[in-house]
C-alpha atoms as a PDB file:
ATOM      1  CA  MET A   1      -4.758  14.622 -17.065  1.00  0.00           C
ATOM      2  CA  ASN A   2      -1.042  14.383 -17.798  1.00  0.00           C
ATOM      3  CA  GLU A   3      -0.762  10.604 -17.768  1.00  0.00           C
ATOM      4  CA  ALA A   4       3.051  10.723 -17.650  1.00  0.00           C
ATOM      5  CA  ALA A   5       2.802  11.955 -14.037  1.00  0.00           C
ATOM      6  CA  TYR A   6       0.632   9.013 -12.931  1.00  0.00           C
ATOM      7  CA  ASN A   7       0.914   5.251 -13.027  1.00  0.00           C
ATOM      8  CA  ALA A   8      -1.403   3.199 -15.240  1.00  0.00           C
ATOM      9  CA  LEU A   9      -3.774   2.288 -12.406  1.00  0.00           C
ATOM     10  CA  VAL A  10      -4.283   5.951 -11.467  1.00  0.00           C
ATOM     11  CA  ALA A  11      -5.014   6.797 -15.105  1.00  0.00           C
ATOM     12  CA  GLU A  12      -7.441   3.863 -15.396  1.00  0.00           C
ATOM     13  CA  ARG A  13      -9.315   4.595 -12.132  1.00  0.00           C
ATOM     14  CA  PHE A  14      -9.384   8.356 -12.774  1.00  0.00           C
ATOM     15  CA  ASP A  15     -11.073   7.777 -16.126  1.00  0.00           C
ATOM     16  CA  ARG A  16     -13.719   5.479 -14.571  1.00  0.00           C
ATOM     17  CA  ALA A  17     -16.513   7.625 -13.279  1.00  0.00           C
ATOM     18  CA  PRO A  18     -18.692   5.908 -10.707  1.00  0.00           C
ATOM     19  CA  THR A  19     -21.582   4.210 -12.431  1.00  0.00           C
ATOM     20  CA  ALA A  20     -23.988   4.640  -9.535  1.00  0.00           C
ATOM     21  CA  LEU A  21     -24.473   6.805  -6.519  1.00  0.00           C
ATOM     22  CA  GLY A  22     -26.760   5.461  -3.841  1.00  0.00           C
ATOM     23  CA  SER A  23     -28.585   7.635  -1.359  1.00  0.00           C
ATOM     24  CA  ALA A  24     -29.418   5.501   1.681  1.00  0.00           C
ATOM     25  CA  VAL A  25     -26.197   6.292   3.535  1.00  0.00           C
ATOM     26  CA  VAL A  26     -23.910   9.235   2.884  1.00  0.00           C
ATOM     27  CA  GLY A  27     -20.712  10.709   4.234  1.00  0.00           C
ATOM     28  CA  ARG A  28     -18.583  13.688   3.355  1.00  0.00           C
ATOM     29  CA  ALA A  29     -15.339  15.215   4.470  1.00  0.00           C
ATOM     30  CA  GLY A  30     -12.887  17.880   3.437  1.00  0.00           C
ATOM     31  CA  SER A  31     -13.395  21.052   1.463  1.00  0.00           C
ATOM     32  CA  PRO A  32     -11.976  22.746  -1.606  1.00  0.00           C
ATOM     33  CA  ALA A  33      -9.980  24.961   0.752  1.00  0.00           C
ATOM     34  CA  GLN A  34      -8.299  21.816   2.107  1.00  0.00           C
ATOM     35  CA  GLY A  35      -7.453  20.717  -1.421  1.00  0.00           C
ATOM     36  CA  ALA A  36      -9.862  17.771  -1.393  1.00  0.00           C
ATOM     37  CA  ALA A  37     -13.562  17.284  -0.737  1.00  0.00           C
ATOM     38  CA  VAL A  38     -14.998  13.773  -0.847  1.00  0.00           C
ATOM     39  CA  TYR A  39     -18.625  12.626  -0.764  1.00  0.00           C
ATOM     40  CA  PHE A  40     -19.437   8.899  -0.555  1.00  0.00           C
ATOM     41  CA  ALA A  41     -22.895   7.373  -0.798  1.00  0.00           C
ATOM     42  CA  ALA A  42     -24.399   3.914  -1.088  1.00  0.00           C
ATOM     43  CA  ASP A  43     -27.617   1.988  -0.843  1.00  0.00           C
ATOM     44  CA  VAL A  44     -27.952  -0.888   1.603  1.00  0.00           C
ATOM     45  CA  GLU A  45     -29.844  -4.009   0.543  1.00  0.00           C
ATOM     46  CA  ALA A  46     -29.872  -7.281   2.475  1.00  0.00           C
ATOM     47  CA  GLY A  47     -27.032  -6.059   4.683  1.00  0.00           C
ATOM     48  CA  ARG A  48     -24.738  -5.223   1.743  1.00  0.00           C
ATOM     49  CA  LEU A  49     -23.608  -1.995   0.122  1.00  0.00           C
ATOM     50  CA  HIS A  50     -24.819  -1.380  -3.419  1.00  0.00           C
ATOM     51  CA  ASN A  51     -24.576   1.542  -5.815  1.00  0.00           C
ATOM     52  CA  VAL A  52     -21.434   2.664  -4.000  1.00  0.00           C
ATOM     53  CA  GLY A  53     -20.329   5.908  -5.535  1.00  0.00           C
ATOM     54  CA  PHE A  54     -18.520   9.122  -4.833  1.00  0.00           C
ATOM     55  CA  ARG A  55     -18.089  12.661  -5.921  1.00  0.00           C
ATOM     56  CA  ALA A  56     -14.765  14.345  -5.293  1.00  0.00           C
ATOM     57  CA  PHE A  57     -13.015  17.633  -5.760  1.00  0.00           C
ATOM     58  CA  ALA A  58      -9.421  16.464  -5.691  1.00  0.00           C
ATOM     59  CA  CYS A  59      -6.314  15.639  -7.680  1.00  0.00           C
ATOM     60  CA  PRO A  60      -6.242  12.567  -9.962  1.00  0.00           C
ATOM     61  CA  HIS A  61      -4.512  10.470  -7.273  1.00  0.00           C
ATOM     62  CA  ILE A  62      -7.302  11.012  -4.758  1.00  0.00           C
ATOM     63  CA  ILE A  63     -10.055  10.609  -7.354  1.00  0.00           C
ATOM     64  CA  ALA A  64      -8.446   7.303  -8.380  1.00  0.00           C
ATOM     65  CA  ALA A  65      -8.281   6.309  -4.696  1.00  0.00           C
ATOM     66  CA  CYS A  66     -12.007   7.049  -4.322  1.00  0.00           C
ATOM     67  CA  SER A  67     -12.786   5.057  -7.464  1.00  0.00           C
ATOM     68  CA  LEU A  68     -10.779   2.039  -6.334  1.00  0.00           C
ATOM     69  CA  THR A  69     -12.308   2.191  -2.858  1.00  0.00           C
ATOM     70  CA  ALA A  70     -15.862   2.431  -4.224  1.00  0.00           C
ATOM     71  CA  ALA A  71     -15.231  -0.610  -6.416  1.00  0.00           C
ATOM     72  CA  LYS A  72     -13.914  -2.607  -3.454  1.00  0.00           C
ATOM     73  CA  LEU A  73     -16.938  -1.674  -1.328  1.00  0.00           C
ATOM     74  CA  GLU A  74     -19.570  -2.756  -3.860  1.00  0.00           C
ATOM     75  CA  GLY A  75     -21.341  -5.747  -2.294  1.00  0.00           C
ATOM     76  CA  ALA A  76     -19.464  -5.401   1.001  1.00  0.00           C
ATOM     77  CA  ARG A  77     -20.973  -5.284   4.468  1.00  0.00           C
ATOM     78  CA  PRO A  78     -21.363  -1.705   5.800  1.00  0.00           C
ATOM     79  CA  GLU A  79     -18.786  -2.390   8.526  1.00  0.00           C
ATOM     80  CA  GLN A  80     -16.158  -2.521   5.800  1.00  0.00           C
ATOM     81  CA  LEU A  81     -16.525   1.242   5.371  1.00  0.00           C
ATOM     82  CA  VAL A  82     -14.318   1.535   8.459  1.00  0.00           C
ATOM     83  CA  ASP A  83     -12.173  -1.566   7.970  1.00  0.00           C
ATOM     84  CA  PRO A  84      -8.607  -0.435   8.725  1.00  0.00           C
ATOM     85  CA  THR A  85      -7.237  -2.642   5.933  1.00  0.00           C
ATOM     86  CA  LEU A  86      -9.515  -1.161   3.242  1.00  0.00           C
ATOM     87  CA  LEU A  87      -7.147   1.644   2.281  1.00  0.00           C
ATOM     88  CA  GLU A  88      -4.029  -0.550   2.245  1.00  0.00           C
ATOM     89  CA  SER A  89      -4.695  -1.417  -1.390  1.00  0.00           C
ATOM     90  CA  LEU A  90      -4.172   2.232  -2.305  1.00  0.00           C
ATOM     91  CA  LYS A  91      -0.407   1.682  -2.152  1.00  0.00           C
ATOM     92  CA  GLU A  92      -0.595   0.378  -5.713  1.00  0.00           C
ATOM     93  CA  LEU A  93      -1.646   3.885  -6.829  1.00  0.00           C
ATOM     94  CA  GLU A  94       1.820   5.156  -5.818  1.00  0.00           C
ATOM     95  CA  ILE A  95       0.406   8.324  -4.275  1.00  0.00           C
ATOM     96  CA  PRO A  96       3.250  10.745  -3.513  1.00  0.00           C
ATOM     97  CA  VAL A  97       3.966  11.188   0.185  1.00  0.00           C
ATOM     98  CA  GLU A  98       2.979  14.858   0.061  1.00  0.00           C
ATOM     99  CA  LYS A  99      -0.554  13.830  -0.992  1.00  0.00           C
ATOM    100  CA  THR A 100      -1.074  10.993   1.457  1.00  0.00           C
ATOM    101  CA  GLY A 101      -2.623  13.342   4.014  1.00  0.00           C
ATOM    102  CA  LYS A 102      -5.548  13.739   1.638  1.00  0.00           C
ATOM    103  CA  ILE A 103      -6.216  10.010   2.037  1.00  0.00           C
ATOM    104  CA  LEU A 104      -7.334  10.942   5.559  1.00  0.00           C
ATOM    105  CA  ILE A 105     -10.110  13.006   3.967  1.00  0.00           C
ATOM    106  CA  LEU A 106     -11.229   9.900   2.069  1.00  0.00           C
ATOM    107  CA  LYS A 107     -11.052   7.893   5.300  1.00  0.00           C
ATOM    108  CA  ASP A 108     -13.089  10.565   7.123  1.00  0.00           C
ATOM    109  CA  ALA A 109     -15.767  10.486   4.399  1.00  0.00           C
ATOM    110  CA  LEU A 110     -16.020   6.697   4.734  1.00  0.00           C
ATOM    111  CA  SER A 111     -16.249   6.989   8.519  1.00  0.00           C
ATOM    112  CA  ALA A 112     -19.007   9.592   8.147  1.00  0.00           C
ATOM    113  CA  CYS A 113     -20.839   7.263   5.762  1.00  0.00           C
ATOM    114  CA  TYR A 114     -20.646   4.457   8.330  1.00  0.00           C
ATOM    115  CA  ALA A 115     -21.826   6.776  11.114  1.00  0.00           C
ATOM    116  CA  ASN A 116     -24.779   7.732   8.906  1.00  0.00           C
ATOM    117  CA  PHE A 117     -25.488   4.022   8.344  1.00  0.00           C
ATOM    118  CA  GLN A 118     -25.472   3.369  12.102  1.00  0.00           C
ATOM    119  CA  ALA A 119     -27.753   6.352  12.797  1.00  0.00           C
ATOM    120  CA  ARG A 120     -30.230   5.356  10.101  1.00  0.00           C
ATOM    121  CA  GLN A 121     -30.207   1.749  11.238  1.00  0.00           C
ATOM    122  CA  ALA A 122     -30.832   2.784  14.875  1.00  0.00           C
ATOM    123  CA  THR A 123     -33.869   4.817  13.867  1.00  0.00           C
ATOM    124  CA  GLY A 124     -35.268   2.106  11.617  1.00  0.00           C
ATOM    125  CA  ALA A 125     -34.762   4.196   8.495  1.00  0.00           C
ATOM    126  CA  LEU A 126     -33.006   1.267   6.820  1.00  0.00           C
ATOM    127  CA  SER A 127     -34.777  -2.020   6.225  1.00  0.00           C
END
């Protein structure tokens, strides 16, 4: 990564690979053809998200956004996957305006993860 093109927080979050990747609830959105594909997953224990992780095919800005979002969701309630204020903190990454549309792919992956949580909860697949 050419660190001169990114702020320090992007460089820091890009270099931090997720340490865990749960499997109880999952969500994905985008595709390489769209320029970004994001997969989010987490475990749910005692009504909280744990082992929140992601895999992404994307530019460093979006990978950093996924990393920061995963960190913020660790220990959160599943409803926070679709909290409209969750992605506001991404402003500090200084993502160029031409890349901000890819944040919608991240948002869609989080929404899919929450929909998967709701479906699994409704069927009793989650304790």
